[in-house]
Amino acid sequence: MKLTINGEEHEFPAATLADLLALLDYEGDWLATAVNGELVHAADRRTHLLNDNDRIEVLSPMQGG
């Protein structure tokens, strides 16, 4: 499936957002995720189905000032 992840196009065999995060080695509830501009809460990632050409943003908190 063709997906755009953080602005870069990739091919991944992921059915759900949780599957994709596991393939990308992103773990934890501290991540913020959005699909096609819509926030997807951590509790909903296992059931959020992905479609060809979806745009996924994965954000993690940063320290600094």
N, C-alpha and C. Protein backbone atom coordinates (compact mmCIF):
# COMPACT_ATOMS: atom_id res chain seq x y z
N MET A 1 0.85 -1.17 0.00
CA MET A 1 0.00 0.00 0.00
C MET A 1 0.90 1.23 0.00
N LYS A 2 0.58 2.21 -0.84
CA LYS A 2 1.35 3.45 -0.91
C LYS A 2 0.83 4.42 0.15
N LEU A 3 1.74 4.89 1.01
CA LEU A 3 1.40 5.83 2.07
C LEU A 3 2.41 6.97 2.09
N THR A 4 1.96 8.15 2.46
CA THR A 4 2.87 9.27 2.67
C THR A 4 3.01 9.44 4.17
N ILE A 5 4.23 9.26 4.65
CA ILE A 5 4.50 9.30 6.09
C ILE A 5 5.45 10.45 6.36
N ASN A 6 4.96 11.41 7.14
CA ASN A 6 5.74 12.61 7.45
C ASN A 6 6.33 13.23 6.18
N GLY A 7 5.51 13.29 5.14
CA GLY A 7 5.90 13.96 3.91
C GLY A 7 6.66 13.13 2.90
N GLU A 8 6.98 11.87 3.23
CA GLU A 8 7.72 11.01 2.31
C GLU A 8 6.88 9.80 1.90
N GLU A 9 6.90 9.48 0.61
CA GLU A 9 6.13 8.34 0.12
C GLU A 9 6.85 7.03 0.42
N HIS A 10 6.05 6.04 0.85
CA HIS A 10 6.56 4.71 1.19
C HIS A 10 5.56 3.66 0.76
N GLU A 11 6.02 2.43 0.67
CA GLU A 11 5.15 1.26 0.44
C GLU A 11 5.22 0.39 1.69
N PHE A 12 4.07 0.12 2.32
CA PHE A 12 4.02 -0.72 3.51
C PHE A 12 2.83 -1.65 3.44
N PRO A 13 2.98 -2.89 3.93
CA PRO A 13 1.87 -3.84 3.98
C PRO A 13 1.12 -3.73 5.31
N ALA A 14 0.64 -2.55 5.65
CA ALA A 14 -0.03 -2.34 6.94
C ALA A 14 -1.52 -2.13 6.73
N ALA A 15 -2.32 -2.85 7.49
CA ALA A 15 -3.77 -2.71 7.38
C ALA A 15 -4.29 -1.62 8.31
N THR A 16 -3.66 -1.46 9.47
CA THR A 16 -4.12 -0.47 10.45
C THR A 16 -2.98 0.48 10.81
N LEU A 17 -3.34 1.57 11.45
CA LEU A 17 -2.33 2.52 11.90
C LEU A 17 -1.40 1.87 12.92
N ALA A 18 -1.92 1.03 13.80
CA ALA A 18 -1.08 0.33 14.78
C ALA A 18 -0.08 -0.59 14.07
N ASP A 19 -0.52 -1.28 13.01
CA ASP A 19 0.39 -2.13 12.24
C ASP A 19 1.52 -1.30 11.65
N LEU A 20 1.19 -0.16 11.09
CA LEU A 20 2.19 0.71 10.48
C LEU A 20 3.20 1.19 11.52
N LEU A 21 2.71 1.63 12.67
CA LEU A 21 3.62 2.11 13.72
C LEU A 21 4.57 1.00 14.17
N ALA A 22 4.07 -0.21 14.25
CA ALA A 22 4.92 -1.34 14.63
C ALA A 22 6.00 -1.58 13.56
N LEU A 23 5.63 -1.51 12.28
CA LEU A 23 6.60 -1.69 11.20
C LEU A 23 7.67 -0.60 11.22
N LEU A 24 7.28 0.60 11.65
CA LEU A 24 8.21 1.72 11.71
C LEU A 24 8.99 1.78 13.02
N ASP A 25 8.73 0.82 13.91
CA ASP A 25 9.35 0.78 15.24
C ASP A 25 9.00 1.98 16.11
N TYR A 26 7.80 2.51 15.92
CA TYR A 26 7.29 3.55 16.82
C TYR A 26 6.47 2.85 17.89
N GLU A 27 6.84 3.06 19.12
CA GLU A 27 6.14 2.43 20.24
C GLU A 27 5.74 3.49 21.24
N GLY A 28 4.66 3.27 21.95
CA GLY A 28 4.28 4.14 23.06
C GLY A 28 3.07 4.99 22.77
N ASP A 29 2.38 5.34 23.85
CA ASP A 29 1.19 6.17 23.75
C ASP A 29 1.54 7.66 23.72
N TRP A 30 2.83 7.99 23.82
CA TRP A 30 3.24 9.39 23.85
C TRP A 30 3.32 9.99 22.45
N LEU A 31 3.12 9.19 21.43
CA LEU A 31 3.12 9.68 20.06
C LEU A 31 1.80 10.37 19.74
N ALA A 32 1.88 11.36 18.87
CA ALA A 32 0.67 11.96 18.30
C ALA A 32 0.60 11.48 16.86
N THR A 33 -0.57 11.03 16.45
CA THR A 33 -0.73 10.53 15.08
C THR A 33 -1.94 11.17 14.42
N ALA A 34 -1.80 11.40 13.12
CA ALA A 34 -2.90 11.94 12.33
C ALA A 34 -2.90 11.22 10.98
N VAL A 35 -4.09 10.99 10.46
CA VAL A 35 -4.26 10.40 9.14
C VAL A 35 -5.12 11.36 8.33
N ASN A 36 -4.57 11.80 7.22
CA ASN A 36 -5.26 12.76 6.34
C ASN A 36 -5.73 14.00 7.09
N GLY A 37 -4.88 14.46 8.02
CA GLY A 37 -5.17 15.68 8.76
C GLY A 37 -6.07 15.52 9.96
N GLU A 38 -6.52 14.30 10.24
CA GLU A 38 -7.41 14.05 11.38
C GLU A 38 -6.65 13.31 12.47
N LEU A 39 -6.69 13.84 13.69
CA LEU A 39 -6.03 13.21 14.82
C LEU A 39 -6.59 11.81 15.07
N VAL A 40 -5.71 10.85 15.31
CA VAL A 40 -6.12 9.49 15.66
C VAL A 40 -5.55 9.21 17.04
N HIS A 41 -6.42 9.07 18.02
CA HIS A 41 -6.01 8.82 19.40
C HIS A 41 -5.38 7.43 19.54
N ALA A 42 -4.49 7.30 20.50
CA ALA A 42 -3.78 6.04 20.73
C ALA A 42 -4.74 4.86 20.87
N ALA A 43 -5.85 5.06 21.54
CA ALA A 43 -6.82 3.98 21.76
C ALA A 43 -7.49 3.52 20.46
N ASP A 44 -7.45 4.35 19.43
CA ASP A 44 -8.13 4.02 18.16
C ASP A 44 -7.20 3.50 17.08
N ARG A 45 -5.90 3.44 17.34
CA ARG A 45 -4.93 3.06 16.30
C ARG A 45 -5.09 1.63 15.83
N ARG A 46 -5.49 0.72 16.70
CA ARG A 46 -5.64 -0.70 16.32
C ARG A 46 -6.82 -0.92 15.38
N THR A 47 -7.79 -0.05 15.43
CA THR A 47 -8.98 -0.22 14.60
C THR A 47 -9.03 0.77 13.43
N HIS A 48 -8.09 1.70 13.39
CA HIS A 48 -8.10 2.69 12.30
C HIS A 48 -7.48 2.07 11.04
N LEU A 49 -8.33 1.75 10.08
CA LEU A 49 -7.88 1.13 8.83
C LEU A 49 -7.23 2.16 7.92
N LEU A 50 -6.14 1.74 7.28
CA LEU A 50 -5.45 2.59 6.33
C LEU A 50 -5.91 2.29 4.91
N ASN A 51 -5.83 3.30 4.06
CA ASN A 51 -6.18 3.17 2.65
C ASN A 51 -5.01 3.63 1.80
N ASP A 52 -4.95 3.13 0.59
CA ASP A 52 -3.92 3.54 -0.35
C ASP A 52 -3.92 5.07 -0.46
N ASN A 53 -2.74 5.66 -0.48
CA ASN A 53 -2.54 7.11 -0.62
C ASN A 53 -2.91 7.93 0.61
N ASP A 54 -3.09 7.29 1.78
CA ASP A 54 -3.30 8.04 3.01
C ASP A 54 -2.05 8.84 3.35
N ARG A 55 -2.26 9.98 4.00
CA ARG A 55 -1.17 10.80 4.50
C ARG A 55 -1.11 10.66 6.02
N ILE A 56 -0.02 10.14 6.53
CA ILE A 56 0.14 9.88 7.96
C ILE A 56 1.20 10.81 8.52
N GLU A 57 0.89 11.43 9.64
CA GLU A 57 1.86 12.23 10.38
C GLU A 57 2.07 11.56 11.73
N VAL A 58 3.34 11.37 12.09
CA VAL A 58 3.70 10.80 13.38
C VAL A 58 4.61 11.81 14.06
N LEU A 59 4.16 12.31 15.21
CA LEU A 59 4.91 13.34 15.93
C LEU A 59 5.26 12.83 17.31
N SER A 60 6.46 13.15 17.75
CA SER A 60 6.88 12.79 19.10
C SER A 60 7.29 14.06 19.82
N PRO A 61 7.09 14.10 21.13
CA PRO A 61 7.46 15.31 21.89
C PRO A 61 8.97 15.50 21.87
N MET A 62 9.37 16.76 21.89
CA MET A 62 10.80 17.10 21.91
C MET A 62 11.09 17.93 23.14
N GLN A 63 12.26 17.74 23.68
CA GLN A 63 12.70 18.56 24.80
C GLN A 63 13.52 19.72 24.27
N GLY A 64 13.55 20.75 25.03
CA GLY A 64 14.36 21.89 24.63
C GLY A 64 13.67 23.19 24.97
N GLY A 65 14.27 24.25 24.58
CA GLY A 65 13.70 25.52 24.94
C GLY A 65 14.02 26.57 24.03
